[in-house]
PDB file of N, CA and C in Angstrom:
ATOM      1  N   GLN A   1      17.557  -5.509   0.156  1.00  0.00           N
ATOM      2  CA  GLN A   1      16.239  -5.387   0.779  1.00  0.00           C
ATOM      3  C   GLN A   1      15.543  -4.160   0.217  1.00  0.00           C
ATOM      4  N   VAL A   2      14.241  -4.301  -0.070  1.00  0.00           N
ATOM      5  CA  VAL A   2      13.488  -3.178  -0.612  1.00  0.00           C
ATOM      6  C   VAL A   2      13.234  -2.154   0.480  1.00  0.00           C
ATOM      7  N   GLN A   3      13.409  -0.885   0.134  1.00  0.00           N
ATOM      8  CA  GLN A   3      13.173   0.205   1.080  1.00  0.00           C
ATOM      9  C   GLN A   3      12.375   1.295   0.393  1.00  0.00           C
ATOM     10  N   PRO A   4      11.140   1.553   0.854  1.00  0.00           N
ATOM     11  CA  PRO A   4      10.386   2.654   0.267  1.00  0.00           C
ATOM     12  C   PRO A   4      10.988   3.993   0.673  1.00  0.00           C
ATOM     13  N   VAL A   5      10.921   4.947  -0.245  1.00  0.00           N
ATOM     14  CA  VAL A   5      11.432   6.286  -0.001  1.00  0.00           C
ATOM     15  C   VAL A   5      10.351   7.290  -0.381  1.00  0.00           C
ATOM     16  N   GLU A   6       9.867   8.032   0.616  1.00  0.00           N
ATOM     17  CA  GLU A   6       8.819   9.027   0.412  1.00  0.00           C
ATOM     18  C   GLU A   6       9.439  10.422   0.373  1.00  0.00           C
ATOM     19  N   SER A   7       8.856  11.297  -0.442  1.00  0.00           N
ATOM     20  CA  SER A   7       9.337  12.671  -0.522  1.00  0.00           C
ATOM     21  C   SER A   7       8.211  13.582  -0.973  1.00  0.00           C
ATOM     22  N   GLY A   8       8.448  14.880  -0.847  1.00  0.00           N
ATOM     23  CA  GLY A   8       7.501  15.858  -1.356  1.00  0.00           C
ATOM     24  C   GLY A   8       6.681  16.569  -0.300  1.00  0.00           C
ATOM     25  N   GLY A   9       6.835  16.187   0.960  1.00  0.00           N
ATOM     26  CA  GLY A   9       6.076  16.842   2.011  1.00  0.00           C
ATOM     27  C   GLY A   9       6.554  18.257   2.268  1.00  0.00           C
ATOM     28  N   GLY A  10       5.846  18.935   3.159  1.00  0.00           N
ATOM     29  CA  GLY A  10       6.228  20.296   3.514  1.00  0.00           C
ATOM     30  C   GLY A  10       5.141  20.993   4.286  1.00  0.00           C
ATOM     31  N   LEU A  11       5.334  22.288   4.459  1.00  0.00           N
ATOM     32  CA  LEU A  11       4.360  23.141   5.152  1.00  0.00           C
ATOM     33  C   LEU A  11       3.525  23.865   4.099  1.00  0.00           C
ATOM     34  N   VAL A  12       2.230  23.773   4.226  1.00  0.00           N
ATOM     35  CA  VAL A  12       1.331  24.400   3.265  1.00  0.00           C
ATOM     36  C   VAL A  12       0.139  24.998   4.008  1.00  0.00           C
ATOM     37  N   GLN A  13      -0.398  26.066   3.475  1.00  0.00           N
ATOM     38  CA  GLN A  13      -1.569  26.688   4.081  1.00  0.00           C
ATOM     39  C   GLN A  13      -2.831  25.886   3.759  1.00  0.00           C
ATOM     40  N   PRO A  14      -3.844  26.004   4.597  1.00  0.00           N
ATOM     41  CA  PRO A  14      -5.125  25.351   4.276  1.00  0.00           C
ATOM     42  C   PRO A  14      -5.598  25.755   2.888  1.00  0.00           C
ATOM     43  N   GLY A  15      -6.080  24.775   2.147  1.00  0.00           N
ATOM     44  CA  GLY A  15      -6.495  25.012   0.776  1.00  0.00           C
ATOM     45  C   GLY A  15      -5.392  24.802  -0.243  1.00  0.00           C
ATOM     46  N   GLY A  16      -4.183  24.606   0.230  1.00  0.00           N
ATOM     47  CA  GLY A  16      -3.043  24.425  -0.662  1.00  0.00           C
ATOM     48  C   GLY A  16      -2.926  23.017  -1.196  1.00  0.00           C
ATOM     49  N   SER A  17      -1.846  22.799  -1.951  1.00  0.00           N
ATOM     50  CA  SER A  17      -1.626  21.513  -2.622  1.00  0.00           C
ATOM     51  C   SER A  17      -0.198  21.040  -2.417  1.00  0.00           C
ATOM     52  N   LEU A  18      -0.042  19.735  -2.470  1.00  0.00           N
ATOM     53  CA  LEU A  18       1.276  19.105  -2.461  1.00  0.00           C
ATOM     54  C   LEU A  18       1.203  17.834  -3.286  1.00  0.00           C
ATOM     55  N   ARG A  19       2.343  17.426  -3.830  1.00  0.00           N
ATOM     56  CA  ARG A  19       2.427  16.134  -4.494  1.00  0.00           C
ATOM     57  C   ARG A  19       3.525  15.319  -3.838  1.00  0.00           C
ATOM     58  N   LEU A  20       3.139  14.178  -3.295  1.00  0.00           N
ATOM     59  CA  LEU A  20       4.089  13.275  -2.668  1.00  0.00           C
ATOM     60  C   LEU A  20       4.543  12.225  -3.675  1.00  0.00           C
ATOM     61  N   SER A  21       5.777  11.778  -3.505  1.00  0.00           N
ATOM     62  CA  SER A  21       6.340  10.742  -4.376  1.00  0.00           C
ATOM     63  C   SER A  21       6.783   9.546  -3.548  1.00  0.00           C
ATOM     64  N   CYS A  22       6.626   8.376  -4.136  1.00  0.00           N
ATOM     65  CA  CYS A  22       7.052   7.125  -3.501  1.00  0.00           C
ATOM     66  C   CYS A  22       7.925   6.362  -4.485  1.00  0.00           C
ATOM     67  N   ALA A  23       9.136   6.100  -4.079  1.00  0.00           N
ATOM     68  CA  ALA A  23      10.035   5.250  -4.847  1.00  0.00           C
ATOM     69  C   ALA A  23      10.413   4.075  -3.955  1.00  0.00           C
ATOM     70  N   ALA A  24      11.004   3.065  -4.554  1.00  0.00           N
ATOM     71  CA  ALA A  24      11.381   1.892  -3.766  1.00  0.00           C
ATOM     72  C   ALA A  24      12.724   1.387  -4.244  1.00  0.00           C
ATOM     73  N   SER A  25      13.729   1.637  -3.460  1.00  0.00           N
ATOM     74  CA  SER A  25      15.057   1.150  -3.821  1.00  0.00           C
ATOM     75  C   SER A  25      15.058  -0.373  -3.750  1.00  0.00           C
ATOM     76  N   GLY A  26      15.615  -0.982  -4.759  1.00  0.00           N
ATOM     77  CA  GLY A  26      15.690  -2.427  -4.763  1.00  0.00           C
ATOM     78  C   GLY A  26      14.473  -3.119  -5.338  1.00  0.00           C
ATOM     79  N   SER A  27      13.534  -2.360  -5.918  1.00  0.00           N
ATOM     80  CA  SER A  27      12.361  -3.006  -6.484  1.00  0.00           C
ATOM     81  C   SER A  27      11.797  -2.177  -7.624  1.00  0.00           C
ATOM     82  N   VAL A  28      11.113  -2.844  -8.517  1.00  0.00           N
ATOM     83  CA  VAL A  28      10.398  -2.171  -9.590  1.00  0.00           C
ATOM     84  C   VAL A  28       8.938  -2.071  -9.185  1.00  0.00           C
ATOM     85  N   LEU A  29       8.395  -0.871  -9.215  1.00  0.00           N
ATOM     86  CA  LEU A  29       7.027  -0.660  -8.753  1.00  0.00           C
ATOM     87  C   LEU A  29       5.966  -0.987  -9.794  1.00  0.00           C
ATOM     88  N   SER A  30       6.349  -1.131 -11.042  1.00  0.00           N
ATOM     89  CA  SER A  30       5.350  -1.213 -12.098  1.00  0.00           C
ATOM     90  C   SER A  30       4.414  -2.396 -11.940  1.00  0.00           C
ATOM     91  N   GLY A  31       4.855  -3.486 -11.365  1.00  0.00           N
ATOM     92  CA  GLY A  31       3.987  -4.649 -11.229  1.00  0.00           C
ATOM     93  C   GLY A  31       3.472  -4.855  -9.828  1.00  0.00           C
ATOM     94  N   ILE A  32       3.515  -3.793  -9.029  1.00  0.00           N
ATOM     95  CA  ILE A  32       3.172  -3.915  -7.616  1.00  0.00           C
ATOM     96  C   ILE A  32       2.101  -2.899  -7.243  1.00  0.00           C
ATOM     97  N   GLY A  33       1.111  -3.339  -6.470  1.00  0.00           N
ATOM     98  CA  GLY A  33       0.160  -2.396  -5.916  1.00  0.00           C
ATOM     99  C   GLY A  33       0.797  -1.661  -4.751  1.00  0.00           C
ATOM    100  N   VAL A  34       0.428  -0.387  -4.589  1.00  0.00           N
ATOM    101  CA  VAL A  34       1.043   0.468  -3.572  1.00  0.00           C
ATOM    102  C   VAL A  34      -0.023   1.175  -2.762  1.00  0.00           C
ATOM    103  N   ASP A  35       0.182   1.214  -1.464  1.00  0.00           N
ATOM    104  CA  ASP A  35      -0.668   1.944  -0.531  1.00  0.00           C
ATOM    105  C   ASP A  35       0.039   3.214  -0.075  1.00  0.00           C
ATOM    106  N   TRP A  36      -0.736   4.272   0.159  1.00  0.00           N
ATOM    107  CA  TRP A  36      -0.279   5.443   0.911  1.00  0.00           C
ATOM    108  C   TRP A  36      -1.012   5.432   2.256  1.00  0.00           C
ATOM    109  N   PHE A  37      -0.242   5.620   3.325  1.00  0.00           N
ATOM    110  CA  PHE A  37      -0.772   5.713   4.679  1.00  0.00           C
ATOM    111  C   PHE A  37      -0.401   7.083   5.252  1.00  0.00           C
ATOM    112  N   ARG A  38      -1.050   7.445   6.345  1.00  0.00           N
ATOM    113  CA  ARG A  38      -0.611   8.610   7.101  1.00  0.00           C
ATOM    114  C   ARG A  38      -0.781   8.337   8.582  1.00  0.00           C
ATOM    115  N   GLN A  39       0.062   8.998   9.364  1.00  0.00           N
ATOM    116  CA  GLN A  39       0.010   8.845  10.811  1.00  0.00           C
ATOM    117  C   GLN A  39       0.163  10.215  11.457  1.00  0.00           C
ATOM    118  N   ALA A  40      -0.895  10.636  12.125  1.00  0.00           N
ATOM    119  CA  ALA A  40      -0.867  11.895  12.852  1.00  0.00           C
ATOM    120  C   ALA A  40      -0.296  11.641  14.249  1.00  0.00           C
ATOM    121  N   PRO A  41       0.224  12.672  14.909  1.00  0.00           N
ATOM    122  CA  PRO A  41       0.811  12.490  16.241  1.00  0.00           C
ATOM    123  C   PRO A  41      -0.161  11.839  17.210  1.00  0.00           C
ATOM    124  N   GLY A  42       0.285  10.768  17.854  1.00  0.00           N
ATOM    125  CA  GLY A  42      -0.531  10.101  18.849  1.00  0.00           C
ATOM    126  C   GLY A  42      -1.654   9.243  18.298  1.00  0.00           C
ATOM    127  N   LYS A  43      -1.676   9.057  16.978  1.00  0.00           N
ATOM    128  CA  LYS A  43      -2.757   8.290  16.354  1.00  0.00           C
ATOM    129  C   LYS A  43      -2.197   7.112  15.558  1.00  0.00           C
ATOM    130  N   GLN A  44      -3.085   6.210  15.196  1.00  0.00           N
ATOM    131  CA  GLN A  44      -2.693   5.041  14.421  1.00  0.00           C
ATOM    132  C   GLN A  44      -2.370   5.420  12.979  1.00  0.00           C
ATOM    133  N   ARG A  45      -1.573   4.595  12.337  1.00  0.00           N
ATOM    134  CA  ARG A  45      -1.306   4.749  10.927  1.00  0.00           C
ATOM    135  C   ARG A  45      -2.543   4.287  10.158  1.00  0.00           C
ATOM    136  N   LEU A  46      -3.040   5.134   9.264  1.00  0.00           N
ATOM    137  CA  LEU A  46      -4.281   4.855   8.550  1.00  0.00           C
ATOM    138  C   LEU A  46      -4.055   4.821   7.049  1.00  0.00           C
ATOM    139  N   LEU A  47      -4.779   3.937   6.377  1.00  0.00           N
ATOM    140  CA  LEU A  47      -4.701   3.861   4.923  1.00  0.00           C
ATOM    141  C   LEU A  47      -5.417   5.062   4.309  1.00  0.00           C
ATOM    142  N   VAL A  48      -4.756   5.702   3.357  1.00  0.00           N
ATOM    143  CA  VAL A  48      -5.294   6.886   2.695  1.00  0.00           C
ATOM    144  C   VAL A  48      -5.733   6.562   1.269  1.00  0.00           C
ATOM    145  N   ALA A  49      -4.889   5.849   0.540  1.00  0.00           N
ATOM    146  CA  ALA A  49      -5.181   5.566  -0.863  1.00  0.00           C
ATOM    147  C   ALA A  49      -4.387   4.346  -1.319  1.00  0.00           C
ATOM    148  N   THR A  50      -4.922   3.681  -2.337  1.00  0.00           N
ATOM    149  CA  THR A  50      -4.304   2.484  -2.898  1.00  0.00           C
ATOM    150  C   THR A  50      -4.372   2.541  -4.412  1.00  0.00           C
ATOM    151  N   ILE A  51      -3.321   2.056  -5.052  1.00  0.00           N
ATOM    152  CA  ILE A  51      -3.358   1.857  -6.498  1.00  0.00           C
ATOM    153  C   ILE A  51      -2.864   0.447  -6.771  1.00  0.00           C
ATOM    154  N   SER A  52      -3.645  -0.305  -7.536  1.00  0.00           N
ATOM    155  CA  SER A  52      -3.268  -1.674  -7.855  1.00  0.00           C
ATOM    156  C   SER A  52      -2.237  -1.687  -8.990  1.00  0.00           C
ATOM    157  N   SER A  53      -1.701  -2.864  -9.248  1.00  0.00           N
ATOM    158  CA  SER A  53      -0.755  -2.982 -10.355  1.00  0.00           C
ATOM    159  C   SER A  53      -1.424  -2.654 -11.681  1.00  0.00           C
ATOM    160  N   GLY A  54      -2.730  -2.855 -11.759  1.00  0.00           N
ATOM    161  CA  GLY A  54      -3.458  -2.555 -12.981  1.00  0.00           C
ATOM    162  C   GLY A  54      -4.004  -1.143 -13.066  1.00  0.00           C
ATOM    163  N   GLY A  55      -3.811  -0.369 -11.984  1.00  0.00           N
ATOM    164  CA  GLY A  55      -4.237   1.030 -12.011  1.00  0.00           C
ATOM    165  C   GLY A  55      -5.553   1.313 -11.299  1.00  0.00           C
ATOM    166  N   SER A  56      -6.214   0.290 -10.754  1.00  0.00           N
ATOM    167  CA  SER A  56      -7.428   0.544  -9.983  1.00  0.00           C
ATOM    168  C   SER A  56      -7.069   1.284  -8.708  1.00  0.00           C
ATOM    169  N   THR A  57      -7.964   2.160  -8.263  1.00  0.00           N
ATOM    170  CA  THR A  57      -7.666   2.994  -7.101  1.00  0.00           C
ATOM    171  C   THR A  57      -8.739   2.882  -6.031  1.00  0.00           C
ATOM    172  N   TYR A  58      -8.313   3.203  -4.809  1.00  0.00           N
ATOM    173  CA  TYR A  58      -9.209   3.252  -3.653  1.00  0.00           C
ATOM    174  C   TYR A  58      -8.799   4.463  -2.829  1.00  0.00           C
ATOM    175  N   TYR A  59      -9.793   5.141  -2.232  1.00  0.00           N
ATOM    176  CA  TYR A  59      -9.521   6.288  -1.368  1.00  0.00           C
ATOM    177  C   TYR A  59     -10.326   6.178  -0.084  1.00  0.00           C
ATOM    178  N   ALA A  60      -9.708   6.581   1.012  1.00  0.00           N
ATOM    179  CA  ALA A  60     -10.445   6.722   2.251  1.00  0.00           C
ATOM    180  C   ALA A  60     -11.466   7.843   2.092  1.00  0.00           C
ATOM    181  N   ASP A  61     -12.581   7.730   2.780  1.00  0.00           N
ATOM    182  CA  ASP A  61     -13.637   8.739   2.652  1.00  0.00           C
ATOM    183  C   ASP A  61     -13.130  10.135   2.979  1.00  0.00           C
ATOM    184  N   SER A  62     -12.196  10.224   3.923  1.00  0.00           N
ATOM    185  CA  SER A  62     -11.726  11.526   4.379  1.00  0.00           C
ATOM    186  C   SER A  62     -10.945  12.295   3.305  1.00  0.00           C
ATOM    187  N   VAL A  63     -10.478  11.598   2.274  1.00  0.00           N
ATOM    188  CA  VAL A  63      -9.667  12.274   1.251  1.00  0.00           C
ATOM    189  C   VAL A  63     -10.288  12.180  -0.134  1.00  0.00           C
ATOM    190  N   LYS A  64     -11.382  11.467  -0.261  1.00  0.00           N
ATOM    191  CA  LYS A  64     -12.012  11.266  -1.559  1.00  0.00           C
ATOM    192  C   LYS A  64     -12.387  12.611  -2.188  1.00  0.00           C
ATOM    193  N   GLY A  65     -12.020  12.756  -3.446  1.00  0.00           N
ATOM    194  CA  GLY A  65     -12.304  14.007  -4.147  1.00  0.00           C
ATOM    195  C   GLY A  65     -11.216  15.057  -3.993  1.00  0.00           C
ATOM    196  N   ARG A  66     -10.277  14.839  -3.070  1.00  0.00           N
ATOM    197  CA  ARG A  66      -9.184  15.810  -2.854  1.00  0.00           C
ATOM    198  C   ARG A  66      -7.817  15.210  -3.174  1.00  0.00           C
ATOM    199  N   PHE A  67      -7.662  13.916  -2.976  1.00  0.00           N
ATOM    200  CA  PHE A  67      -6.385  13.248  -3.223  1.00  0.00           C
ATOM    201  C   PHE A  67      -6.507  12.367  -4.459  1.00  0.00           C
ATOM    202  N   THR A  68      -5.422  12.273  -5.206  1.00  0.00           N
ATOM    203  CA  THR A  68      -5.365  11.400  -6.374  1.00  0.00           C
ATOM    204  C   THR A  68      -4.072  10.610  -6.348  1.00  0.00           C
ATOM    205  N   ILE A  69      -4.197   9.286  -6.405  1.00  0.00           N
ATOM    206  CA  ILE A  69      -3.026   8.424  -6.450  1.00  0.00           C
ATOM    207  C   ILE A  69      -2.798   8.021  -7.907  1.00  0.00           C
ATOM    208  N   SER A  70      -1.539   8.016  -8.314  1.00  0.00           N
ATOM    209  CA  SER A  70      -1.219   7.664  -9.691  1.00  0.00           C
ATOM    210  C   SER A  70       0.168   7.036  -9.721  1.00  0.00           C
ATOM    211  N   ARG A  71       0.499   6.473 -10.881  1.00  0.00           N
ATOM    212  CA  ARG A  71       1.816   5.864 -11.006  1.00  0.00           C
ATOM    213  C   ARG A  71       2.423   6.200 -12.345  1.00  0.00           C
ATOM    214  N   ASP A  72       3.751   6.320 -12.349  1.00  0.00           N
ATOM    215  CA  ASP A  72       4.509   6.522 -13.578  1.00  0.00           C
ATOM    216  C   ASP A  72       5.510   5.374 -13.628  1.00  0.00           C
ATOM    217  N   ASN A  73       5.168   4.343 -14.392  1.00  0.00           N
ATOM    218  CA  ASN A  73       6.022   3.152 -14.407  1.00  0.00           C
ATOM    219  C   ASN A  73       7.392   3.444 -15.017  1.00  0.00           C
ATOM    220  N   ALA A  74       7.435   4.369 -15.953  1.00  0.00           N
ATOM    221  CA  ALA A  74       8.722   4.710 -16.562  1.00  0.00           C
ATOM    222  C   ALA A  74       9.685   5.317 -15.542  1.00  0.00           C
ATOM    223  N   LYS A  75       9.116   6.029 -14.570  1.00  0.00           N
ATOM    224  CA  LYS A  75       9.937   6.641 -13.524  1.00  0.00           C
ATOM    225  C   LYS A  75       9.972   5.805 -12.248  1.00  0.00           C
ATOM    226  N   ASN A  76       9.290   4.654 -12.287  1.00  0.00           N
ATOM    227  CA  ASN A  76       9.274   3.763 -11.124  1.00  0.00           C
ATOM    228  C   ASN A  76       8.830   4.502  -9.861  1.00  0.00           C
ATOM    229  N   THR A  77       7.774   5.288 -10.013  1.00  0.00           N
ATOM    230  CA  THR A  77       7.316   6.158  -8.923  1.00  0.00           C
ATOM    231  C   THR A  77       5.793   6.134  -8.825  1.00  0.00           C
ATOM    232  N   VAL A  78       5.303   6.175  -7.608  1.00  0.00           N
ATOM    233  CA  VAL A  78       3.872   6.346  -7.338  1.00  0.00           C
ATOM    234  C   VAL A  78       3.692   7.695  -6.662  1.00  0.00           C
ATOM    235  N   TYR A  79       2.662   8.426  -7.082  1.00  0.00           N
ATOM    236  CA  TYR A  79       2.427   9.783  -6.588  1.00  0.00           C
ATOM    237  C   TYR A  79       1.128   9.849  -5.777  1.00  0.00           C
ATOM    238  N   LEU A  80       1.080  10.830  -4.896  1.00  0.00           N
ATOM    239  CA  LEU A  80      -0.161  11.179  -4.206  1.00  0.00           C
ATOM    240  C   LEU A  80      -0.332  12.684  -4.347  1.00  0.00           C
ATOM    241  N   GLN A  81      -1.218  13.086  -5.248  1.00  0.00           N
ATOM    242  CA  GLN A  81      -1.515  14.496  -5.443  1.00  0.00           C
ATOM    243  C   GLN A  81      -2.583  14.895  -4.446  1.00  0.00           C
ATOM    244  N   MET A  82      -2.317  15.933  -3.682  1.00  0.00           N
ATOM    245  CA  MET A  82      -3.237  16.365  -2.635  1.00  0.00           C
ATOM    246  C   MET A  82      -3.612  17.819  -2.887  1.00  0.00           C
ATOM    247  N   ILE A  83      -4.906  18.090  -2.962  1.00  0.00           N
ATOM    248  CA  ILE A  83      -5.398  19.453  -3.126  1.00  0.00           C
ATOM    249  C   ILE A  83      -6.369  19.774  -2.007  1.00  0.00           C
ATOM    250  N   SER A  84      -6.732  21.041  -1.895  1.00  0.00           N
ATOM    251  CA  SER A  84      -7.689  21.484  -0.870  1.00  0.00           C
ATOM    252  C   SER A  84      -7.311  20.929   0.500  1.00  0.00           C
ATOM    253  N   LEU A  85      -6.049  21.050   0.840  1.00  0.00           N
ATOM    254  CA  LEU A  85      -5.560  20.477   2.083  1.00  0.00           C
ATOM    255  C   LEU A  85      -6.172  21.156   3.297  1.00  0.00           C
ATOM    256  N   LYS A  86      -6.395  20.345   4.334  1.00  0.00           N
ATOM    257  CA  LYS A  86      -7.001  20.803   5.572  1.00  0.00           C
ATOM    258  C   LYS A  86      -6.028  20.569   6.729  1.00  0.00           C
ATOM    259  N   PRO A  87      -6.181  21.295   7.821  1.00  0.00           N
ATOM    260  CA  PRO A  87      -5.298  21.059   8.974  1.00  0.00           C
ATOM    261  C   PRO A  87      -5.322  19.599   9.436  1.00  0.00           C
ATOM    262  N   GLU A  88      -6.453  18.942   9.292  1.00  0.00           N
ATOM    263  CA  GLU A  88      -6.541  17.537   9.722  1.00  0.00           C
ATOM    264  C   GLU A  88      -5.794  16.571   8.805  1.00  0.00           C
ATOM    265  N   ASP A  89      -5.271  17.064   7.695  1.00  0.00           N
ATOM    266  CA  ASP A  89      -4.413  16.243   6.840  1.00  0.00           C
ATOM    267  C   ASP A  89      -2.973  16.212   7.344  1.00  0.00           C
ATOM    268  N   THR A  90      -2.680  17.005   8.355  1.00  0.00           N
ATOM    269  CA  THR A  90      -1.331  17.039   8.915  1.00  0.00           C
ATOM    270  C   THR A  90      -0.953  15.669   9.473  1.00  0.00           C
ATOM    271  N   ALA A  91       0.170  15.137   8.989  1.00  0.00           N
ATOM    272  CA  ALA A  91       0.604  13.798   9.385  1.00  0.00           C
ATOM    273  C   ALA A  91       1.924  13.484   8.692  1.00  0.00           C
ATOM    274  N   VAL A  92       2.527  12.378   9.100  1.00  0.00           N
ATOM    275  CA  VAL A  92       3.627  11.800   8.332  1.00  0.00           C
ATOM    276  C   VAL A  92       3.011  10.803   7.370  1.00  0.00           C
ATOM    277  N   TYR A  93       3.387  10.921   6.109  1.00  0.00           N
ATOM    278  CA  TYR A  93       2.827  10.074   5.060  1.00  0.00           C
ATOM    279  C   TYR A  93       3.852   9.013   4.660  1.00  0.00           C
ATOM    280  N   TYR A  94       3.364   7.773   4.548  1.00  0.00           N
ATOM    281  CA  TYR A  94       4.204   6.633   4.222  1.00  0.00           C
ATOM    282  C   TYR A  94       3.622   5.880   3.026  1.00  0.00           C
ATOM    283  N   CYS A  95       4.485   5.247   2.254  1.00  0.00           N
ATOM    284  CA  CYS A  95       4.007   4.341   1.215  1.00  0.00           C
ATOM    285  C   CYS A  95       4.563   2.947   1.500  1.00  0.00           C
ATOM    286  N   ASN A  96       3.862   1.955   0.972  1.00  0.00           N
ATOM    287  CA  ASN A  96       4.302   0.579   1.112  1.00  0.00           C
ATOM    288  C   ASN A  96       3.562  -0.261   0.086  1.00  0.00           C
ATOM    289  N   LYS A  97       4.053  -1.452  -0.153  1.00  0.00           N
ATOM    290  CA  LYS A  97       3.369  -2.311  -1.100  1.00  0.00           C
ATOM    291  C   LYS A  97       2.088  -2.849  -0.487  1.00  0.00           C
ATOM    292  N   ILE A  98       1.141  -3.184  -1.373  1.00  0.00           N
ATOM    293  CA  ILE A  98      -0.103  -3.794  -0.922  1.00  0.00           C
ATOM    294  C   ILE A  98       0.185  -5.178  -0.357  1.00  0.00           C
ATOM    295  N   GLY A  99      -0.554  -5.544   0.683  1.00  0.00           N
ATOM    296  CA  GLY A  99      -0.515  -6.903   1.176  1.00  0.00           C
ATOM    297  C   GLY A  99       0.655  -7.189   2.099  1.00  0.00           C
ATOM    298  N   PHE A 100       0.724  -8.450   2.494  1.00  0.00           N
ATOM    299  CA  PHE A 100       1.732  -8.875   3.459  1.00  0.00           C
ATOM    300  C   PHE A 100       2.636  -9.929   2.841  1.00  0.00           C
ATOM    301  N   PRO A 101       3.907 -10.007   3.264  1.00  0.00           N
ATOM    302  CA  PRO A 101       4.529  -9.095   4.228  1.00  0.00           C
ATOM    303  C   PRO A 101       4.840  -7.734   3.614  1.00  0.00           C
ATOM    304  N   ARG A 102       4.685  -6.687   4.427  1.00  0.00           N
ATOM    305  CA  ARG A 102       5.039  -5.347   3.999  1.00  0.00           C
ATOM    306  C   ARG A 102       6.549  -5.228   3.873  1.00  0.00           C
ATOM    307  N   TRP A 103       6.956  -4.232   3.070  1.00  0.00           N
ATOM    308  CA  TRP A 103       8.358  -3.839   3.119  1.00  0.00           C
ATOM    309  C   TRP A 103       8.639  -3.173   4.472  1.00  0.00           C
ATOM    310  N   PRO A 104       9.895  -3.093   4.879  1.00  0.00           N
ATOM    311  CA  PRO A 104      10.220  -2.272   6.060  1.00  0.00           C
ATOM    312  C   PRO A 104       9.730  -0.844   5.827  1.00  0.00           C
ATOM    313  N   TRP A 105       9.170  -0.225   6.830  1.00  0.00           N
ATOM    314  CA  TRP A 105       8.645   1.130   6.661  1.00  0.00           C
ATOM    315  C   TRP A 105       9.781   2.135   6.463  1.00  0.00           C
ATOM    316  N   GLY A 106       9.538   3.078   5.558  1.00  0.00           N
ATOM    317  CA  GLY A 106      10.483   4.154   5.351  1.00  0.00           C
ATOM    318  C   GLY A 106      10.337   5.227   6.415  1.00  0.00           C
ATOM    319  N   GLN A 107      11.046   6.319   6.226  1.00  0.00           N
ATOM    320  CA  GLN A 107      10.990   7.421   7.197  1.00  0.00           C
ATOM    321  C   GLN A 107       9.750   8.279   7.022  1.00  0.00           C
ATOM    322  N   GLY A 108       9.097   8.152   5.879  1.00  0.00           N
ATOM    323  CA  GLY A 108       7.920   8.962   5.636  1.00  0.00           C
ATOM    324  C   GLY A 108       8.278  10.386   5.254  1.00  0.00           C
ATOM    325  N   THR A 109       7.248  11.149   4.919  1.00  0.00           N
ATOM    326  CA  THR A 109       7.436  12.561   4.607  1.00  0.00           C
ATOM    327  C   THR A 109       6.376  13.359   5.358  1.00  0.00           C
ATOM    328  N   GLN A 110       6.813  14.411   6.030  1.00  0.00           N
ATOM    329  CA  GLN A 110       5.926  15.198   6.893  1.00  0.00           C
ATOM    330  C   GLN A 110       5.114  16.177   6.066  1.00  0.00           C
ATOM    331  N   VAL A 111       3.815  16.162   6.275  1.00  0.00           N
ATOM    332  CA  VAL A 111       2.917  17.146   5.682  1.00  0.00           C
ATOM    333  C   VAL A 111       2.289  17.941   6.828  1.00  0.00           C
ATOM    334  N   THR A 112       2.462  19.240   6.795  1.00  0.00           N
ATOM    335  CA  THR A 112       1.887  20.110   7.818  1.00  0.00           C
ATOM    336  C   THR A 112       1.017  21.150   7.133  1.00  0.00           C
ATOM    337  N   VAL A 113      -0.251  21.171   7.513  1.00  0.00           N
ATOM    338  CA  VAL A 113      -1.202  22.122   6.940  1.00  0.00           C
ATOM    339  C   VAL A 113      -1.567  23.119   8.035  1.00  0.00           C
ATOM    340  N   SER A 114      -1.104  24.341   7.872  1.00  0.00           N
ATOM    341  CA  SER A 114      -1.294  25.340   8.917  1.00  0.00           C
ATOM    342  C   SER A 114      -1.170  26.732   8.329  1.00  0.00           C
ATOM    343  N   SER A 115      -1.935  27.650   8.884  1.00  0.00           N
ATOM    344  CA  SER A 115      -1.817  29.049   8.473  1.00  0.00           C
ATOM    345  C   SER A 115      -0.836  29.792   9.374  1.00  0.00           C
TER     346      SER A 115
END
């Protein structure tokens, strides 16, 4: 069974940067579109960014210009580069394939933006 694995989160000050990584055990990501989501405490899981199998991208308005989604097919990994981080970016970040049915959700990676 495919299982997404997120990593790269941590504690960062406002204005800082982080790069998140998404791998998927049991699957090759190169031919698959991937979404990044985030879920803040007590809130719904929201779509943050998408990259298609062909490399087209989409960003939520709240992160446009600050986040960049990319893929390295040789490393079978999708990245989410985040700059100019704000306290409101604090959340658990998850990746999953585009469309339905989704893979089982991974544990996510915690991003905390705080001074």
